[in-house]
């Protein structure tokens, strides 16, 4: 219940608001009372209509918040990321996760080498020689 009633940083809304269209009634609400905008509508049809409108409004706001949050995460990642390029004759290790029969996977080493870089084919592809 604590998770469902806590607002997320990326969306700004609680999971209960996103799924149900309203906030959950918490025990503290018994002492403080309900918020005025959370009163139940009198008619079922008007309640259904207002629920749909609230969910659509929240949906559009969350989409915008998630796009903004995604842009911030990308900018932070790109700022800290570094591109590694190898030159000819550099020594490198090859990651080969192929498992050998008869050995425990925990005890197998997936790294092979060292190998010598012969040629750079693209940003992430190199020709190596053993």
N, C-alpha and C. Protein backbone atom coordinates (compact mmCIF):
# COMPACT_ATOMS: atom_id res chain seq x y z
N UNK A 1 0.83 -1.19 0.00
CA UNK A 1 0.00 0.00 0.00
C UNK A 1 0.87 1.25 0.00
N UNK A 2 2.00 1.17 0.69
CA UNK A 2 2.90 2.31 0.72
C UNK A 2 3.43 2.60 -0.69
N UNK A 3 3.76 1.56 -1.44
CA UNK A 3 4.26 1.75 -2.80
C UNK A 3 3.17 2.34 -3.71
N UNK A 4 1.95 1.83 -3.59
CA UNK A 4 0.86 2.29 -4.46
C UNK A 4 0.40 3.70 -4.15
N UNK A 5 0.71 4.19 -2.95
CA UNK A 5 0.25 5.52 -2.58
C UNK A 5 1.38 6.55 -2.59
N UNK A 6 2.57 6.16 -3.04
CA UNK A 6 3.71 7.08 -3.10
C UNK A 6 3.90 7.57 -4.53
N UNK A 7 4.06 8.87 -4.70
CA UNK A 7 4.26 9.45 -6.03
C UNK A 7 5.65 9.08 -6.56
N UNK A 8 5.73 8.70 -7.84
CA UNK A 8 6.99 8.36 -8.48
C UNK A 8 7.65 9.63 -9.02
N UNK A 9 8.98 9.64 -8.99
CA UNK A 9 9.72 10.81 -9.47
C UNK A 9 9.52 11.03 -10.96
N UNK A 10 9.50 9.96 -11.75
CA UNK A 10 9.43 10.12 -13.20
C UNK A 10 8.06 10.55 -13.68
N UNK A 11 6.98 10.07 -13.04
CA UNK A 11 5.63 10.43 -13.51
C UNK A 11 5.00 11.54 -12.70
N UNK A 12 5.35 11.64 -11.43
CA UNK A 12 4.74 12.64 -10.57
C UNK A 12 3.41 12.18 -9.98
N UNK A 13 3.00 10.96 -10.26
CA UNK A 13 1.73 10.42 -9.79
C UNK A 13 1.95 9.10 -9.06
N UNK A 14 0.96 8.72 -8.27
CA UNK A 14 1.01 7.43 -7.60
C UNK A 14 0.48 6.35 -8.54
N UNK A 15 0.92 5.09 -8.38
CA UNK A 15 0.36 4.01 -9.19
C UNK A 15 -1.15 3.88 -9.03
N UNK A 16 -1.69 4.17 -7.84
CA UNK A 16 -3.13 4.09 -7.63
C UNK A 16 -3.86 5.11 -8.49
N UNK A 17 -3.33 6.32 -8.59
CA UNK A 17 -3.96 7.37 -9.40
C UNK A 17 -3.94 6.97 -10.87
N UNK A 18 -2.84 6.36 -11.31
CA UNK A 18 -2.73 5.96 -12.72
C UNK A 18 -3.64 4.80 -13.06
N UNK A 19 -3.81 3.87 -12.13
CA UNK A 19 -4.61 2.68 -12.43
C UNK A 19 -6.08 2.87 -12.11
N UNK A 20 -6.37 3.50 -10.99
CA UNK A 20 -7.76 3.60 -10.52
C UNK A 20 -8.41 4.95 -10.83
N UNK A 21 -7.60 5.95 -11.09
CA UNK A 21 -8.15 7.28 -11.36
C UNK A 21 -8.32 8.12 -10.11
N UNK A 22 -7.99 7.59 -8.95
CA UNK A 22 -8.08 8.36 -7.70
C UNK A 22 -7.04 7.83 -6.72
N UNK A 23 -6.75 8.64 -5.71
CA UNK A 23 -5.79 8.23 -4.69
C UNK A 23 -6.43 7.23 -3.74
N UNK A 24 -5.61 6.42 -3.09
CA UNK A 24 -6.10 5.45 -2.12
C UNK A 24 -6.49 6.14 -0.82
N UNK A 25 -7.48 5.59 -0.15
CA UNK A 25 -7.85 6.10 1.17
C UNK A 25 -6.91 5.52 2.21
N UNK A 26 -6.10 6.36 2.84
CA UNK A 26 -5.13 5.92 3.81
C UNK A 26 -5.68 6.09 5.23
N UNK A 27 -5.12 5.37 6.19
CA UNK A 27 -5.59 5.52 7.56
C UNK A 27 -5.50 6.95 8.09
N UNK A 28 -4.52 7.70 7.64
CA UNK A 28 -4.39 9.08 8.08
C UNK A 28 -5.56 9.94 7.59
N UNK A 29 -6.23 9.50 6.52
CA UNK A 29 -7.39 10.24 6.02
C UNK A 29 -8.54 10.21 7.01
N UNK A 30 -8.59 9.23 7.89
CA UNK A 30 -9.64 9.20 8.92
C UNK A 30 -9.49 10.37 9.89
N UNK A 31 -8.26 10.76 10.14
CA UNK A 31 -8.01 11.89 11.04
C UNK A 31 -8.16 13.23 10.34
N UNK A 32 -7.65 13.33 9.13
CA UNK A 32 -7.62 14.62 8.43
C UNK A 32 -8.82 14.84 7.52
N UNK A 33 -9.52 13.79 7.14
CA UNK A 33 -10.65 13.92 6.22
C UNK A 33 -10.20 13.77 4.78
N UNK A 34 -11.14 13.54 3.87
CA UNK A 34 -10.84 13.39 2.45
C UNK A 34 -10.61 14.75 1.80
N UNK A 35 -9.81 14.74 0.76
CA UNK A 35 -9.61 15.95 -0.03
C UNK A 35 -10.91 16.29 -0.75
N UNK A 36 -11.24 17.57 -0.93
CA UNK A 36 -12.53 17.93 -1.54
C UNK A 36 -12.70 17.41 -2.97
N UNK A 37 -11.63 17.27 -3.73
CA UNK A 37 -11.77 16.82 -5.11
C UNK A 37 -11.90 15.30 -5.21
N UNK A 38 -11.83 14.60 -4.13
CA UNK A 38 -11.92 13.15 -4.14
C UNK A 38 -13.28 12.62 -3.70
N UNK A 39 -14.29 13.47 -3.61
CA UNK A 39 -15.64 13.02 -3.24
C UNK A 39 -16.21 12.19 -4.39
N UNK A 40 -16.99 11.19 -4.06
CA UNK A 40 -17.61 10.34 -5.09
C UNK A 40 -18.76 11.09 -5.76
N UNK A 41 -18.87 10.99 -7.08
CA UNK A 41 -20.00 11.60 -7.78
C UNK A 41 -21.30 10.91 -7.39
N UNK A 42 -22.42 11.62 -7.58
CA UNK A 42 -23.71 11.08 -7.17
C UNK A 42 -24.24 10.03 -8.13
N UNK A 43 -24.05 10.23 -9.43
CA UNK A 43 -24.57 9.29 -10.42
C UNK A 43 -23.46 8.40 -10.94
N UNK A 44 -23.83 7.18 -11.24
CA UNK A 44 -22.85 6.24 -11.76
C UNK A 44 -22.34 6.69 -13.11
N UNK A 45 -23.22 7.16 -13.98
CA UNK A 45 -22.79 7.57 -15.32
C UNK A 45 -21.88 8.79 -15.25
N UNK A 46 -22.20 9.72 -14.38
CA UNK A 46 -21.32 10.89 -14.27
C UNK A 46 -19.99 10.49 -13.64
N UNK A 47 -20.02 9.52 -12.73
CA UNK A 47 -18.78 9.03 -12.14
C UNK A 47 -17.91 8.38 -13.21
N UNK A 48 -18.52 7.55 -14.04
CA UNK A 48 -17.77 6.88 -15.10
C UNK A 48 -17.17 7.90 -16.06
N UNK A 49 -17.95 8.92 -16.39
CA UNK A 49 -17.46 9.96 -17.30
C UNK A 49 -16.32 10.74 -16.67
N UNK A 50 -16.48 11.12 -15.41
CA UNK A 50 -15.42 11.89 -14.75
C UNK A 50 -14.16 11.03 -14.56
N UNK A 51 -14.34 9.73 -14.29
CA UNK A 51 -13.20 8.84 -14.17
C UNK A 51 -12.44 8.76 -15.48
N UNK A 52 -13.17 8.62 -16.56
CA UNK A 52 -12.53 8.55 -17.88
C UNK A 52 -11.79 9.85 -18.18
N UNK A 53 -12.39 10.99 -17.87
CA UNK A 53 -11.73 12.28 -18.12
C UNK A 53 -10.47 12.42 -17.27
N UNK A 54 -10.56 12.02 -16.00
CA UNK A 54 -9.38 12.11 -15.13
C UNK A 54 -8.27 11.20 -15.61
N UNK A 55 -8.63 9.98 -16.02
CA UNK A 55 -7.60 9.05 -16.51
C UNK A 55 -6.95 9.55 -17.79
N UNK A 56 -7.73 10.15 -18.68
CA UNK A 56 -7.15 10.70 -19.91
C UNK A 56 -6.23 11.88 -19.59
N UNK A 57 -6.63 12.72 -18.66
CA UNK A 57 -5.80 13.86 -18.27
C UNK A 57 -4.48 13.38 -17.66
N UNK A 58 -4.59 12.41 -16.76
CA UNK A 58 -3.39 11.86 -16.12
C UNK A 58 -2.51 11.18 -17.16
N UNK A 59 -3.13 10.46 -18.10
CA UNK A 59 -2.38 9.77 -19.15
C UNK A 59 -1.54 10.76 -19.94
N UNK A 60 -2.13 11.88 -20.37
CA UNK A 60 -1.40 12.87 -21.16
C UNK A 60 -0.29 13.52 -20.34
N UNK A 61 -0.56 13.79 -19.08
CA UNK A 61 0.46 14.40 -18.23
C UNK A 61 1.62 13.43 -17.98
N UNK A 62 1.30 12.15 -17.76
CA UNK A 62 2.33 11.15 -17.51
C UNK A 62 3.18 10.94 -18.76
N UNK A 63 2.56 10.91 -19.93
CA UNK A 63 3.33 10.75 -21.17
C UNK A 63 4.35 11.87 -21.31
N UNK A 64 3.93 13.09 -21.03
CA UNK A 64 4.87 14.21 -21.09
C UNK A 64 5.97 14.09 -20.05
N UNK A 65 5.60 13.68 -18.83
CA UNK A 65 6.60 13.54 -17.77
C UNK A 65 7.59 12.43 -18.09
N UNK A 66 7.12 11.33 -18.68
CA UNK A 66 8.02 10.23 -19.02
C UNK A 66 8.96 10.61 -20.16
N UNK A 67 8.48 11.38 -21.13
CA UNK A 67 9.35 11.84 -22.20
C UNK A 67 10.44 12.74 -21.65
N UNK A 68 10.06 13.65 -20.77
CA UNK A 68 11.03 14.54 -20.14
C UNK A 68 12.03 13.75 -19.30
N UNK A 69 11.53 12.79 -18.52
CA UNK A 69 12.40 11.96 -17.70
C UNK A 69 13.35 11.14 -18.57
N UNK A 70 12.87 10.62 -19.67
CA UNK A 70 13.72 9.86 -20.59
C UNK A 70 14.81 10.73 -21.19
N UNK A 71 14.47 11.97 -21.56
CA UNK A 71 15.46 12.90 -22.09
C UNK A 71 16.54 13.21 -21.06
N UNK A 72 16.13 13.40 -19.81
CA UNK A 72 17.09 13.68 -18.74
C UNK A 72 18.02 12.49 -18.53
N UNK A 73 17.45 11.26 -18.49
CA UNK A 73 18.27 10.07 -18.31
C UNK A 73 19.26 9.89 -19.46
N UNK A 74 18.81 10.14 -20.70
CA UNK A 74 19.69 10.02 -21.86
C UNK A 74 20.81 11.04 -21.79
N UNK A 75 20.49 12.28 -21.44
CA UNK A 75 21.50 13.32 -21.34
C UNK A 75 22.53 12.97 -20.26
N UNK A 76 22.07 12.46 -19.12
CA UNK A 76 22.99 12.07 -18.05
C UNK A 76 23.87 10.90 -18.48
N UNK A 77 23.28 9.92 -19.16
CA UNK A 77 24.06 8.77 -19.61
C UNK A 77 25.09 9.20 -20.65
N UNK A 78 24.65 9.98 -21.64
CA UNK A 78 25.56 10.40 -22.70
C UNK A 78 26.69 11.27 -22.16
N UNK A 79 26.42 12.04 -21.12
CA UNK A 79 27.46 12.88 -20.53
C UNK A 79 28.53 12.08 -19.82
N UNK A 80 28.17 10.92 -19.28
CA UNK A 80 29.12 10.09 -18.55
C UNK A 80 29.72 8.98 -19.40
N UNK A 81 29.13 8.70 -20.55
CA UNK A 81 29.61 7.60 -21.39
C UNK A 81 30.87 8.02 -22.14
N UNK A 82 31.73 7.07 -22.37
CA UNK A 82 32.94 7.34 -23.15
C UNK A 82 33.08 6.26 -24.21
N UNK A 83 33.50 6.67 -25.38
CA UNK A 83 33.68 5.75 -26.49
C UNK A 83 35.12 5.24 -26.46
N UNK A 84 35.29 3.94 -26.57
CA UNK A 84 36.63 3.34 -26.56
C UNK A 84 36.95 2.87 -27.96
N UNK A 85 38.10 3.31 -28.47
CA UNK A 85 38.57 2.87 -29.78
C UNK A 85 39.92 2.19 -29.59
N UNK A 86 40.12 1.09 -30.30
CA UNK A 86 41.39 0.38 -30.25
C UNK A 86 42.15 0.66 -31.53
N UNK A 87 43.48 0.78 -31.41
CA UNK A 87 44.34 0.99 -32.56
C UNK A 87 44.91 -0.34 -33.02
N UNK A 88 45.46 -0.35 -34.21
CA UNK A 88 46.14 -1.54 -34.70
C UNK A 88 47.26 -1.90 -33.73
N UNK A 89 47.44 -3.19 -33.51
CA UNK A 89 48.48 -3.76 -32.64
C UNK A 89 48.15 -3.64 -31.15
N UNK A 90 46.97 -3.11 -30.77
CA UNK A 90 46.56 -3.12 -29.36
C UNK A 90 46.21 -4.54 -28.96
N UNK A 91 46.46 -4.86 -27.70
CA UNK A 91 46.13 -6.17 -27.17
C UNK A 91 44.76 -6.11 -26.51
N UNK A 92 43.86 -7.06 -26.85
CA UNK A 92 42.49 -7.07 -26.33
C UNK A 92 42.11 -8.48 -25.91
N UNK A 93 41.07 -8.56 -25.08
CA UNK A 93 40.49 -9.84 -24.67
C UNK A 93 39.17 -10.02 -25.43
N UNK A 94 38.84 -11.25 -25.78
CA UNK A 94 37.61 -11.58 -26.49
C UNK A 94 36.63 -12.23 -25.52
N UNK A 95 35.41 -11.69 -25.47
CA UNK A 95 34.36 -12.28 -24.63
C UNK A 95 33.67 -13.37 -25.42
N UNK A 96 33.76 -14.62 -24.96
CA UNK A 96 33.15 -15.76 -25.64
C UNK A 96 32.40 -16.57 -24.58
N UNK A 97 31.06 -16.35 -24.43
CA UNK A 97 30.31 -17.01 -23.37
C UNK A 97 29.94 -18.47 -23.66
N UNK A 98 30.53 -19.08 -24.68
CA UNK A 98 30.24 -20.47 -25.02
C UNK A 98 30.63 -21.38 -23.85
N UNK A 99 29.71 -22.21 -23.42
CA UNK A 99 29.95 -23.08 -22.25
C UNK A 99 30.56 -24.41 -22.68
N UNK A 100 31.46 -24.88 -21.86
CA UNK A 100 32.11 -26.17 -22.13
C UNK A 100 31.40 -27.27 -21.35
N UNK A 101 31.20 -28.40 -21.99
CA UNK A 101 30.53 -29.52 -21.33
C UNK A 101 31.45 -30.11 -20.27
N UNK A 102 30.85 -30.55 -19.18
CA UNK A 102 31.60 -31.21 -18.13
C UNK A 102 32.17 -30.26 -17.08
N UNK A 103 32.01 -28.95 -17.27
CA UNK A 103 32.50 -27.98 -16.31
C UNK A 103 31.34 -27.14 -15.78
N UNK A 104 31.45 -26.76 -14.53
CA UNK A 104 30.44 -25.89 -13.95
C UNK A 104 30.52 -24.51 -14.61
N UNK A 105 29.36 -23.92 -14.97
CA UNK A 105 29.39 -22.58 -15.56
C UNK A 105 30.04 -21.54 -14.65
N UNK A 106 29.96 -21.73 -13.35
CA UNK A 106 30.56 -20.78 -12.41
C UNK A 106 32.08 -20.77 -12.53
N UNK A 107 32.65 -21.89 -12.89
CA UNK A 107 34.11 -22.01 -12.93
C UNK A 107 34.69 -21.74 -14.31
N UNK A 108 33.85 -21.54 -15.31
CA UNK A 108 34.34 -21.28 -16.66
C UNK A 108 34.66 -19.80 -16.83
N UNK A 109 35.71 -19.53 -17.55
CA UNK A 109 36.11 -18.15 -17.82
C UNK A 109 35.64 -17.78 -19.23
N UNK A 110 34.76 -16.78 -19.38
CA UNK A 110 34.26 -16.44 -20.72
C UNK A 110 35.23 -15.59 -21.54
N UNK A 111 36.36 -15.21 -20.97
CA UNK A 111 37.31 -14.34 -21.68
C UNK A 111 38.44 -15.16 -22.27
N UNK A 112 38.78 -14.85 -23.53
CA UNK A 112 39.86 -15.52 -24.23
C UNK A 112 40.88 -14.48 -24.67
N UNK A 113 42.12 -14.90 -24.77
CA UNK A 113 43.11 -13.96 -25.29
C UNK A 113 44.37 -13.96 -24.46
N UNK A 114 45.18 -12.98 -24.64
CA UNK A 114 44.95 -11.75 -25.38
C UNK A 114 45.13 -11.93 -26.89
N UNK A 115 44.43 -11.10 -27.64
CA UNK A 115 44.52 -11.08 -29.09
C UNK A 115 45.04 -9.71 -29.52
N UNK A 116 45.54 -9.65 -30.74
CA UNK A 116 46.06 -8.40 -31.31
C UNK A 116 45.06 -7.85 -32.30
N UNK A 117 44.78 -6.55 -32.21
CA UNK A 117 43.88 -5.89 -33.14
C UNK A 117 44.59 -5.74 -34.47
N UNK A 118 43.96 -6.23 -35.54
CA UNK A 118 44.53 -6.14 -36.88
C UNK A 118 43.91 -4.97 -37.65
N UNK A 119 42.56 -4.81 -37.52
CA UNK A 119 41.88 -3.79 -38.30
C UNK A 119 40.58 -3.41 -37.62
N UNK A 120 40.24 -2.13 -37.71
CA UNK A 120 38.96 -1.64 -37.20
C UNK A 120 37.97 -1.62 -38.35
N UNK A 121 36.88 -2.41 -38.26
CA UNK A 121 35.89 -2.51 -39.33
C UNK A 121 34.76 -1.51 -39.16
N UNK A 122 34.35 -1.25 -37.90
CA UNK A 122 33.32 -0.26 -37.59
C UNK A 122 33.56 0.22 -36.17
N UNK A 123 32.63 1.00 -35.63
CA UNK A 123 32.80 1.52 -34.27
C UNK A 123 32.86 0.41 -33.22
N UNK A 124 32.21 -0.72 -33.49
CA UNK A 124 32.14 -1.79 -32.50
C UNK A 124 32.69 -3.12 -33.00
N UNK A 125 33.20 -3.16 -34.23
CA UNK A 125 33.68 -4.41 -34.81
C UNK A 125 35.15 -4.28 -35.19
N UNK A 126 35.95 -5.26 -34.74
CA UNK A 126 37.37 -5.26 -35.01
C UNK A 126 37.77 -6.63 -35.53
N UNK A 127 38.80 -6.67 -36.36
CA UNK A 127 39.39 -7.94 -36.78
C UNK A 127 40.59 -8.16 -35.87
N UNK A 128 40.62 -9.35 -35.25
CA UNK A 128 41.71 -9.65 -34.30
C UNK A 128 42.47 -10.89 -34.76
N UNK A 129 43.69 -11.03 -34.24
CA UNK A 129 44.51 -12.19 -34.56
C UNK A 129 45.06 -12.76 -33.25
N UNK A 130 45.07 -14.09 -33.15
CA UNK A 130 45.51 -14.77 -31.94
C UNK A 130 46.92 -14.97 -31.89
